[in-house]
C-alpha cells in the first residue's frame, strides 16, 4: 500500500477525531466565523499530492522530486481551503498519545 492509500483510508477515523477535538473547534482564519471541516466521507478523506523539487547537492543536477500528502480543510461559510500535511499531523497525533 502506498502513502496515498494509507492516508486516505487507514488513518481516517483517527484523523477525524483529532481534527474535531483540536482544529475544527477554531473559527476560519479568513472570515473569522465559519466552522472548519475536513473534507471526505464515511469511506475516505480527501488528500492532495504536492510534488515538489527538493535541493540535494549530493546528486547530479542538485535536485530530486519529493511528494507531500495533505488533508484538505474547508470553511463552511467562505469556502477558504487549507491544507494540513498528513505526515506532520500523524507525528503530532502520535506525540499526544504518549
PDB file of N, CA and C in Angstrom:
ATOM      1  N   UNK A   1       0.846  -1.174   0.000  1.00  0.00           N
ATOM      2  CA  UNK A   1       0.000   0.000   0.000  1.00  0.00           C
ATOM      3  C   UNK A   1       0.893   1.240   0.000  1.00  0.00           C
ATOM      4  N   UNK A   2       0.600   2.188  -0.887  1.00  0.00           N
ATOM      5  CA  UNK A   2       1.410   3.401  -0.940  1.00  0.00           C
ATOM      6  C   UNK A   2       0.900   4.439   0.066  1.00  0.00           C
ATOM      7  N   UNK A   3       1.665   5.527   0.236  1.00  0.00           N
ATOM      8  CA  UNK A   3       1.301   6.571   1.198  1.00  0.00           C
ATOM      9  C   UNK A   3      -0.076   7.144   0.925  1.00  0.00           C
ATOM     10  N   UNK A   4      -0.398   7.341  -0.346  1.00  0.00           N
ATOM     11  CA  UNK A   4      -1.681   7.926  -0.717  1.00  0.00           C
ATOM     12  C   UNK A   4      -2.834   7.086  -0.179  1.00  0.00           C
ATOM     13  N   UNK A   5      -2.788   5.775  -0.406  1.00  0.00           N
ATOM     14  CA  UNK A   5      -3.844   4.878   0.089  1.00  0.00           C
ATOM     15  C   UNK A   5      -3.879   4.860   1.613  1.00  0.00           C
ATOM     16  N   UNK A   6      -2.717   4.862   2.232  1.00  0.00           N
ATOM     17  CA  UNK A   6      -2.643   4.854   3.691  1.00  0.00           C
ATOM     18  C   UNK A   6      -3.359   6.061   4.280  1.00  0.00           C
ATOM     19  N   UNK A   7      -3.043   7.245   3.770  1.00  0.00           N
ATOM     20  CA  UNK A   7      -3.593   8.461   4.354  1.00  0.00           C
ATOM     21  C   UNK A   7      -5.044   8.701   3.975  1.00  0.00           C
ATOM     22  N   UNK A   8      -5.541   8.123   2.895  1.00  0.00           N
ATOM     23  CA  UNK A   8      -6.945   8.331   2.557  1.00  0.00           C
ATOM     24  C   UNK A   8      -7.864   7.358   3.272  1.00  0.00           C
ATOM     25  N   UNK A   9      -7.364   6.190   3.660  1.00  0.00           N
ATOM     26  CA  UNK A   9      -8.254   5.174   4.216  1.00  0.00           C
ATOM     27  C   UNK A   9      -7.960   4.783   5.658  1.00  0.00           C
ATOM     28  N   UNK A  10      -6.775   4.299   5.924  1.00  0.00           N
ATOM     29  CA  UNK A  10      -6.495   3.676   7.217  1.00  0.00           C
ATOM     30  C   UNK A  10      -6.576   4.673   8.375  1.00  0.00           C
ATOM     31  N   UNK A  11      -6.062   5.857   8.207  1.00  0.00           N
ATOM     32  CA  UNK A  11      -5.989   6.828   9.291  1.00  0.00           C
ATOM     33  C   UNK A  11      -7.259   7.674   9.424  1.00  0.00           C
ATOM     34  N   UNK A  12      -8.273   7.453   8.627  1.00  0.00           N
ATOM     35  CA  UNK A  12      -9.429   8.328   8.558  1.00  0.00           C
ATOM     36  C   UNK A  12     -10.060   8.611   9.917  1.00  0.00           C
ATOM     37  N   UNK A  13     -10.454   7.586  10.651  1.00  0.00           N
ATOM     38  CA  UNK A  13     -11.159   7.788  11.919  1.00  0.00           C
ATOM     39  C   UNK A  13     -10.307   8.516  12.950  1.00  0.00           C
ATOM     40  N   UNK A  14      -9.026   8.167  13.034  1.00  0.00           N
ATOM     41  CA  UNK A  14      -8.130   8.834  13.976  1.00  0.00           C
ATOM     42  C   UNK A  14      -7.946  10.304  13.622  1.00  0.00           C
ATOM     43  N   UNK A  15      -7.789  10.584  12.334  1.00  0.00           N
ATOM     44  CA  UNK A  15      -7.585  11.958  11.878  1.00  0.00           C
ATOM     45  C   UNK A  15      -8.840  12.791  12.138  1.00  0.00           C
ATOM     46  N   UNK A  16     -10.008  12.264  11.806  1.00  0.00           N
ATOM     47  CA  UNK A  16     -11.255  13.000  12.010  1.00  0.00           C
ATOM     48  C   UNK A  16     -11.465  13.291  13.498  1.00  0.00           C
ATOM     49  N   UNK A  17     -11.219  12.320  14.342  1.00  0.00           N
ATOM     50  CA  UNK A  17     -11.383  12.516  15.792  1.00  0.00           C
ATOM     51  C   UNK A  17     -10.438  13.608  16.292  1.00  0.00           C
ATOM     52  N   UNK A  18      -9.155  13.522  15.909  1.00  0.00           N
ATOM     53  CA  UNK A  18      -8.183  14.526  16.331  1.00  0.00           C
ATOM     54  C   UNK A  18      -8.561  15.901  15.789  1.00  0.00           C
ATOM     55  N   UNK A  19      -8.929  15.957  14.511  1.00  0.00           N
ATOM     56  CA  UNK A  19      -9.303  17.217  13.873  1.00  0.00           C
ATOM     57  C   UNK A  19     -10.472  17.864  14.616  1.00  0.00           C
ATOM     58  N   UNK A  20     -11.513  17.087  14.888  1.00  0.00           N
ATOM     59  CA  UNK A  20     -12.701  17.628  15.547  1.00  0.00           C
ATOM     60  C   UNK A  20     -12.408  18.141  16.954  1.00  0.00           C
ATOM     61  N   UNK A  21     -11.471  17.512  17.653  1.00  0.00           N
ATOM     62  CA  UNK A  21     -11.140  17.923  19.018  1.00  0.00           C
ATOM     63  C   UNK A  21     -10.188  19.118  19.085  1.00  0.00           C
ATOM     64  N   UNK A  22      -9.266  19.241  18.109  1.00  0.00           N
ATOM     65  CA  UNK A  22      -8.190  20.225  18.239  1.00  0.00           C
ATOM     66  C   UNK A  22      -8.166  21.319  17.168  1.00  0.00           C
ATOM     67  N   UNK A  23      -8.640  21.047  15.977  1.00  0.00           N
ATOM     68  CA  UNK A  23      -8.522  22.011  14.887  1.00  0.00           C
ATOM     69  C   UNK A  23      -9.882  22.563  14.477  1.00  0.00           C
ATOM     70  N   UNK A  24     -10.848  21.681  14.295  1.00  0.00           N
ATOM     71  CA  UNK A  24     -12.170  22.078  13.823  1.00  0.00           C
ATOM     72  C   UNK A  24     -12.933  22.968  14.781  1.00  0.00           C
ATOM     73  N   UNK A  25     -12.511  23.046  16.033  1.00  0.00           N
ATOM     74  CA  UNK A  25     -13.184  23.896  17.014  1.00  0.00           C
ATOM     75  C   UNK A  25     -12.800  25.370  16.849  1.00  0.00           C
ATOM     76  N   UNK A  26     -11.799  25.656  16.039  1.00  0.00           N
ATOM     77  CA  UNK A  26     -11.354  27.022  15.806  1.00  0.00           C
ATOM     78  C   UNK A  26     -12.092  27.640  14.617  1.00  0.00           C
ATOM     79  N   UNK A  27     -12.376  28.943  14.676  1.00  0.00           N
ATOM     80  CA  UNK A  27     -13.029  29.582  13.526  1.00  0.00           C
ATOM     81  C   UNK A  27     -12.049  29.739  12.363  1.00  0.00           C
ATOM     82  N   UNK A  28     -12.591  29.936  11.184  1.00  0.00           N
ATOM     83  CA  UNK A  28     -11.794  30.154   9.971  1.00  0.00           C
ATOM     84  C   UNK A  28     -10.879  31.356  10.159  1.00  0.00           C
ATOM     85  N   UNK A  29      -9.638  31.230   9.741  1.00  0.00           N
ATOM     86  CA  UNK A  29      -8.683  32.332   9.876  1.00  0.00           C
ATOM     87  C   UNK A  29      -8.952  33.453   8.876  1.00  0.00           C
ATOM     88  N   UNK A  30      -9.723  33.181   7.820  1.00  0.00           N
ATOM     89  CA  UNK A  30     -10.009  34.204   6.819  1.00  0.00           C
ATOM     90  C   UNK A  30     -11.248  35.025   7.186  1.00  0.00           C
ATOM     91  N   UNK A  31     -12.395  34.362   7.407  1.00  0.00           N
ATOM     92  CA  UNK A  31     -13.633  35.098   7.694  1.00  0.00           C
ATOM     93  C   UNK A  31     -13.883  35.267   9.187  1.00  0.00           C
ATOM     94  N   UNK A  32     -13.238  34.426  10.020  1.00  0.00           N
ATOM     95  CA  UNK A  32     -13.369  34.551  11.462  1.00  0.00           C
ATOM     96  C   UNK A  32     -14.638  33.980  12.064  1.00  0.00           C
ATOM     97  N   UNK A  33     -15.532  33.451  11.221  1.00  0.00           N
ATOM     98  CA  UNK A  33     -16.801  32.946  11.755  1.00  0.00           C
ATOM     99  C   UNK A  33     -17.099  31.501  11.385  1.00  0.00           C
ATOM    100  N   UNK A  34     -16.663  31.078  10.232  1.00  0.00           N
ATOM    101  CA  UNK A  34     -17.033  29.760   9.729  1.00  0.00           C
ATOM    102  C   UNK A  34     -16.361  28.611  10.451  1.00  0.00           C
ATOM    103  N   UNK A  35     -17.058  27.484  10.468  1.00  0.00           N
ATOM    104  CA  UNK A  35     -16.518  26.261  11.041  1.00  0.00           C
ATOM    105  C   UNK A  35     -15.641  25.566  10.012  1.00  0.00           C
ATOM    106  N   UNK A  36     -14.504  25.041  10.471  1.00  0.00           N
ATOM    107  CA  UNK A  36     -13.601  24.325   9.578  1.00  0.00           C
ATOM    108  C   UNK A  36     -14.019  22.861   9.502  1.00  0.00           C
ATOM    109  N   UNK A  37     -14.077  22.342   8.288  1.00  0.00           N
ATOM    110  CA  UNK A  37     -14.464  20.957   8.046  1.00  0.00           C
ATOM    111  C   UNK A  37     -13.346  20.243   7.311  1.00  0.00           C
ATOM    112  N   UNK A  38     -13.047  19.026   7.714  1.00  0.00           N
ATOM    113  CA  UNK A  38     -12.076  18.221   6.967  1.00  0.00           C
ATOM    114  C   UNK A  38     -12.875  17.490   5.890  1.00  0.00           C
ATOM    115  N   UNK A  39     -12.420  17.566   4.648  1.00  0.00           N
ATOM    116  CA  UNK A  39     -13.203  17.041   3.535  1.00  0.00           C
ATOM    117  C   UNK A  39     -13.042  15.539   3.371  1.00  0.00           C
ATOM    118  N   UNK A  40     -14.137  14.866   3.130  1.00  0.00           N
ATOM    119  CA  UNK A  40     -14.158  13.428   2.933  1.00  0.00           C
ATOM    120  C   UNK A  40     -15.555  12.892   3.167  1.00  0.00           C
ATOM    121  N   UNK A  41     -15.664  11.580   3.224  1.00  0.00           N
ATOM    122  CA  UNK A  41     -16.939  10.931   3.509  1.00  0.00           C
ATOM    123  C   UNK A  41     -16.703   9.768   4.459  1.00  0.00           C
ATOM    124  N   UNK A  42     -17.665   8.874   4.576  1.00  0.00           N
ATOM    125  CA  UNK A  42     -17.530   7.742   5.502  1.00  0.00           C
ATOM    126  C   UNK A  42     -16.418   6.788   5.107  1.00  0.00           C
ATOM    127  N   UNK A  43     -16.044   6.802   3.862  1.00  0.00           N
ATOM    128  CA  UNK A  43     -15.037   5.868   3.342  1.00  0.00           C
ATOM    129  C   UNK A  43     -13.610   6.399   3.435  1.00  0.00           C
ATOM    130  N   UNK A  44     -13.429   7.675   3.091  1.00  0.00           N
ATOM    131  CA  UNK A  44     -12.065   8.194   2.977  1.00  0.00           C
ATOM    132  C   UNK A  44     -12.049   9.704   3.112  1.00  0.00           C
ATOM    133  N   UNK A  45     -10.862  10.243   3.332  1.00  0.00           N
ATOM    134  CA  UNK A  45     -10.656  11.684   3.373  1.00  0.00           C
ATOM    135  C   UNK A  45     -10.069  12.143   2.049  1.00  0.00           C
ATOM    136  N   UNK A  46     -10.312  13.409   1.724  1.00  0.00           N
ATOM    137  CA  UNK A  46      -9.727  13.991   0.523  1.00  0.00           C
ATOM    138  C   UNK A  46      -8.280  14.354   0.838  1.00  0.00           C
ATOM    139  N   UNK A  47      -7.359  13.896   0.014  1.00  0.00           N
ATOM    140  CA  UNK A  47      -5.951  14.269   0.166  1.00  0.00           C
ATOM    141  C   UNK A  47      -5.434  14.798  -1.165  1.00  0.00           C
ATOM    142  N   UNK A  48      -4.408  15.609  -1.077  1.00  0.00           N
ATOM    143  CA  UNK A  48      -3.766  16.208  -2.243  1.00  0.00           C
ATOM    144  C   UNK A  48      -2.307  15.787  -2.227  1.00  0.00           C
ATOM    145  N   UNK A  49      -1.804  15.374  -3.370  1.00  0.00           N
ATOM    146  CA  UNK A  49      -0.367  15.109  -3.529  1.00  0.00           C
ATOM    147  C   UNK A  49       0.286  16.386  -4.037  1.00  0.00           C
ATOM    148  N   UNK A  50       1.274  16.897  -3.303  1.00  0.00           N
ATOM    149  CA  UNK A  50       2.043  18.063  -3.742  1.00  0.00           C
ATOM    150  C   UNK A  50       3.410  17.561  -4.171  1.00  0.00           C
ATOM    151  N   UNK A  51       3.687  17.575  -5.466  1.00  0.00           N
ATOM    152  CA  UNK A  51       5.013  17.168  -5.932  1.00  0.00           C
ATOM    153  C   UNK A  51       5.905  18.400  -5.939  1.00  0.00           C
ATOM    154  N   UNK A  52       7.048  18.279  -5.300  1.00  0.00           N
ATOM    155  CA  UNK A  52       7.961  19.411  -5.172  1.00  0.00           C
ATOM    156  C   UNK A  52       9.370  18.995  -5.582  1.00  0.00           C
ATOM    157  N   UNK A  53      10.167  19.993  -5.936  1.00  0.00           N
ATOM    158  CA  UNK A  53      11.588  19.761  -6.181  1.00  0.00           C
ATOM    159  C   UNK A  53      12.339  20.032  -4.887  1.00  0.00           C
ATOM    160  N   UNK A  54      13.213  19.105  -4.523  1.00  0.00           N
ATOM    161  CA  UNK A  54      13.980  19.212  -3.283  1.00  0.00           C
ATOM    162  C   UNK A  54      15.450  19.359  -3.650  1.00  0.00           C
ATOM    163  N   UNK A  55      16.098  20.394  -3.139  1.00  0.00           N
ATOM    164  CA  UNK A  55      17.511  20.604  -3.420  1.00  0.00           C
ATOM    165  C   UNK A  55      18.339  19.565  -2.682  1.00  0.00           C
ATOM    166  N   UNK A  56      19.226  18.895  -3.415  1.00  0.00           N
ATOM    167  CA  UNK A  56      20.117  17.902  -2.823  1.00  0.00           C
ATOM    168  C   UNK A  56      21.468  18.006  -3.530  1.00  0.00           C
ATOM    169  N   UNK A  57      22.459  18.628  -2.892  1.00  0.00           N
ATOM    170  CA  UNK A  57      23.757  18.836  -3.546  1.00  0.00           C
ATOM    171  C   UNK A  57      24.527  17.547  -3.801  1.00  0.00           C
ATOM    172  N   UNK A  58      24.103  16.435  -3.221  1.00  0.00           N
ATOM    173  CA  UNK A  58      24.812  15.169  -3.377  1.00  0.00           C
ATOM    174  C   UNK A  58      24.454  14.443  -4.672  1.00  0.00           C
ATOM    175  N   UNK A  59      23.434  14.903  -5.402  1.00  0.00           N
ATOM    176  CA  UNK A  59      23.061  14.222  -6.642  1.00  0.00           C
ATOM    177  C   UNK A  59      23.345  15.116  -7.846  1.00  0.00           C
ATOM    178  N   UNK A  60      23.504  14.498  -9.007  1.00  0.00           N
ATOM    179  CA  UNK A  60      23.758  15.231 -10.236  1.00  0.00           C
ATOM    180  C   UNK A  60      22.544  16.102 -10.545  1.00  0.00           C
ATOM    181  N   UNK A  61      22.783  17.358 -10.849  1.00  0.00           N
ATOM    182  CA  UNK A  61      21.689  18.278 -11.130  1.00  0.00           C
ATOM    183  C   UNK A  61      21.193  19.012  -9.889  1.00  0.00           C
ATOM    184  N   UNK A  62      21.510  18.503  -8.709  1.00  0.00           N
ATOM    185  CA  UNK A  62      21.215  19.198  -7.474  1.00  0.00           C
ATOM    186  C   UNK A  62      19.798  19.124  -6.953  1.00  0.00           C
ATOM    187  N   UNK A  63      18.882  18.468  -7.689  1.00  0.00           N
ATOM    188  CA  UNK A  63      17.533  18.400  -7.130  1.00  0.00           C
ATOM    189  C   UNK A  63      16.881  17.061  -7.430  1.00  0.00           C
ATOM    190  N   UNK A  64      15.968  16.702  -6.570  1.00  0.00           N
ATOM    191  CA  UNK A  64      15.196  15.487  -6.748  1.00  0.00           C
ATOM    192  C   UNK A  64      13.741  15.799  -6.445  1.00  0.00           C
ATOM    193  N   UNK A  65      12.880  14.877  -6.755  1.00  0.00           N
ATOM    194  CA  UNK A  65      11.448  15.087  -6.550  1.00  0.00           C
ATOM    195  C   UNK A  65      11.025  14.530  -5.195  1.00  0.00           C
ATOM    196  N   UNK A  66      10.090  15.215  -4.562  1.00  0.00           N
ATOM    197  CA  UNK A  66       9.502  14.757  -3.318  1.00  0.00           C
ATOM    198  C   UNK A  66       7.997  14.933  -3.393  1.00  0.00           C
ATOM    199  N   UNK A  67       7.266  14.212  -2.568  1.00  0.00           N
ATOM    200  CA  UNK A  67       5.813  14.320  -2.551  1.00  0.00           C
ATOM    201  C   UNK A  67       5.358  14.549  -1.115  1.00  0.00           C
ATOM    202  N   UNK A  68       4.524  15.561  -0.942  1.00  0.00           N
ATOM    203  CA  UNK A  68       3.892  15.828   0.343  1.00  0.00           C
ATOM    204  C   UNK A  68       2.409  15.532   0.196  1.00  0.00           C
ATOM    205  N   UNK A  69       1.864  14.780   1.123  1.00  0.00           N
ATOM    206  CA  UNK A  69       0.447  14.466   1.091  1.00  0.00           C
ATOM    207  C   UNK A  69      -0.240  15.301   2.161  1.00  0.00           C
ATOM    208  N   UNK A  70      -1.315  15.982   1.772  1.00  0.00           N
ATOM    209  CA  UNK A  70      -2.024  16.866   2.691  1.00  0.00           C
ATOM    210  C   UNK A  70      -3.515  16.567   2.710  1.00  0.00           C
ATOM    211  N   UNK A  71      -4.119  16.732   3.905  1.00  0.00           N
ATOM    212  CA  UNK A  71      -5.568  16.686   4.025  1.00  0.00           C
ATOM    213  C   UNK A  71      -6.124  18.055   3.647  1.00  0.00           C
ATOM    214  N   UNK A  72      -7.345  18.076   3.131  1.00  0.00           N
ATOM    215  CA  UNK A  72      -7.979  19.325   2.724  1.00  0.00           C
ATOM    216  C   UNK A  72      -9.001  19.738   3.788  1.00  0.00           C
ATOM    217  N   UNK A  73      -8.880  20.981   4.244  1.00  0.00           N
ATOM    218  CA  UNK A  73      -9.788  21.565   5.228  1.00  0.00           C
ATOM    219  C   UNK A  73     -10.472  22.759   4.571  1.00  0.00           C
ATOM    220  N   UNK A  74     -11.793  22.907   4.774  1.00  0.00           N
ATOM    221  CA  UNK A  74     -12.516  23.999   4.138  1.00  0.00           C
ATOM    222  C   UNK A  74     -13.449  24.679   5.135  1.00  0.00           C
ATOM    223  N   UNK A  75     -13.571  25.995   5.024  1.00  0.00           N
ATOM    224  CA  UNK A  75     -14.511  26.760   5.837  1.00  0.00           C
ATOM    225  C   UNK A  75     -15.905  26.598   5.258  1.00  0.00           C
ATOM    226  N   UNK A  76     -16.870  26.274   6.115  1.00  0.00           N
ATOM    227  CA  UNK A  76     -18.234  26.067   5.633  1.00  0.00           C
ATOM    228  C   UNK A  76     -18.916  27.370   5.220  1.00  0.00           C
ATOM    229  N   UNK A  77     -18.408  28.525   5.676  1.00  0.00           N
ATOM    230  CA  UNK A  77     -19.026  29.810   5.320  1.00  0.00           C
ATOM    231  C   UNK A  77     -18.425  30.454   4.073  1.00  0.00           C
ATOM    232  N   UNK A  78     -17.110  30.669   4.082  1.00  0.00           N
ATOM    233  CA  UNK A  78     -16.491  31.416   2.982  1.00  0.00           C
ATOM    234  C   UNK A  78     -15.813  30.533   1.933  1.00  0.00           C
ATOM    235  N   UNK A  79     -15.635  29.242   2.227  1.00  0.00           N
ATOM    236  CA  UNK A  79     -15.022  28.332   1.262  1.00  0.00           C
ATOM    237  C   UNK A  79     -13.509  28.344   1.248  1.00  0.00           C
ATOM    238  N   UNK A  80     -12.881  29.119   2.134  1.00  0.00           N
ATOM    239  CA  UNK A  80     -11.432  29.139   2.232  1.00  0.00           C
ATOM    240  C   UNK A  80     -10.927  27.711   2.436  1.00  0.00           C
ATOM    241  N   UNK A  81      -9.899  27.323   1.678  1.00  0.00           N
ATOM    242  CA  UNK A  81      -9.337  25.981   1.828  1.00  0.00           C
ATOM    243  C   UNK A  81      -7.934  26.067   2.394  1.00  0.00           C
ATOM    244  N   UNK A  82      -7.636  25.111   3.266  1.00  0.00           N
ATOM    245  CA  UNK A  82      -6.319  24.999   3.873  1.00  0.00           C
ATOM    246  C   UNK A  82      -5.858  23.560   3.709  1.00  0.00           C
ATOM    247  N   UNK A  83      -4.564  23.357   3.802  1.00  0.00           N
ATOM    248  CA  UNK A  83      -4.003  22.029   3.657  1.00  0.00           C
ATOM    249  C   UNK A  83      -3.176  21.690   4.899  1.00  0.00           C
ATOM    250  N   UNK A  84      -3.386  20.487   5.441  1.00  0.00           N
ATOM    251  CA  UNK A  84      -2.638  20.024   6.603  1.00  0.00           C
ATOM    252  C   UNK A  84      -1.765  18.860   6.166  1.00  0.00           C
ATOM    253  N   UNK A  85      -0.459  19.003   6.343  1.00  0.00           N
ATOM    254  CA  UNK A  85       0.481  17.951   5.960  1.00  0.00           C
ATOM    255  C   UNK A  85       0.151  16.674   6.725  1.00  0.00           C
ATOM    256  N   UNK A  86      -0.127  15.600   6.003  1.00  0.00           N
ATOM    257  CA  UNK A  86      -0.585  14.342   6.605  1.00  0.00           C
ATOM    258  C   UNK A  86       0.463  13.715   7.517  1.00  0.00           C
ATOM    259  N   UNK A  87       1.715  13.707   7.095  1.00  0.00           N
ATOM    260  CA  UNK A  87       2.757  13.086   7.923  1.00  0.00           C
ATOM    261  C   UNK A  87       3.024  13.900   9.182  1.00  0.00           C
ATOM    262  N   UNK A  88       2.989  15.219   9.063  1.00  0.00           N
ATOM    263  CA  UNK A  88       3.202  16.074  10.238  1.00  0.00           C
ATOM    264  C   UNK A  88       2.051  15.897  11.227  1.00  0.00           C
ATOM    265  N   UNK A  89       0.822  15.831  10.735  1.00  0.00           N
ATOM    266  CA  UNK A  89      -0.329  15.623  11.612  1.00  0.00           C
ATOM    267  C   UNK A  89      -0.229  14.277  12.322  1.00  0.00           C
ATOM    268  N   UNK A  90       0.220  13.262  11.608  1.00  0.00           N
ATOM    269  CA  UNK A  90       0.386  11.944  12.232  1.00  0.00           C
ATOM    270  C   UNK A  90       1.423  12.002  13.354  1.00  0.00           C
ATOM    271  N   UNK A  91       2.538  12.722  13.127  1.00  0.00           N
ATOM    272  CA  UNK A  91       3.555  12.888  14.176  1.00  0.00           C
ATOM    273  C   UNK A  91       2.964  13.563  15.410  1.00  0.00           C
ATOM    274  N   UNK A  92       2.189  14.612  15.208  1.00  0.00           N
ATOM    275  CA  UNK A  92       1.572  15.329  16.320  1.00  0.00           C
ATOM    276  C   UNK A  92       0.615  14.417  17.073  1.00  0.00           C
ATOM    277  N   UNK A  93      -0.176  13.665  16.340  1.00  0.00           N
ATOM    278  CA  UNK A  93      -1.136  12.748  16.954  1.00  0.00           C
ATOM    279  C   UNK A  93      -0.411  11.665  17.757  1.00  0.00           C
ATOM    280  N   UNK A  94       0.676  11.141  17.211  1.00  0.00           N
ATOM    281  CA  UNK A  94       1.452  10.110  17.914  1.00  0.00           C
ATOM    282  C   UNK A  94       2.064  10.655  19.201  1.00  0.00           C
ATOM    283  N   UNK A  95       2.564  11.886  19.161  1.00  0.00           N
ATOM    284  CA  UNK A  95       3.151  12.506  20.362  1.00  0.00           C
ATOM    285  C   UNK A  95       2.103  12.741  21.443  1.00  0.00           C
ATOM    286  N   UNK A  96       0.871  13.055  21.050  1.00  0.00           N
ATOM    287  CA  UNK A  96      -0.202  13.288  22.028  1.00  0.00           C
ATOM    288  C   UNK A  96      -0.621  11.994  22.703  1.00  0.00           C
ATOM    289  N   UNK A  97      -0.447  10.840  22.013  1.00  0.00           N
ATOM    290  CA  UNK A  97      -0.831   9.545  22.584  1.00  0.00           C
ATOM    291  C   UNK A  97       0.118   9.109  23.691  1.00  0.00           C
ATOM    292  N   UNK A  98       1.357   9.616  23.662  1.00  0.00           N
ATOM    293  CA  UNK A  98       2.386   9.184  24.612  1.00  0.00           C
ATOM    294  C   UNK A  98       2.185   9.785  25.979  1.00  0.00           C
TER     295      UNK A  98
END
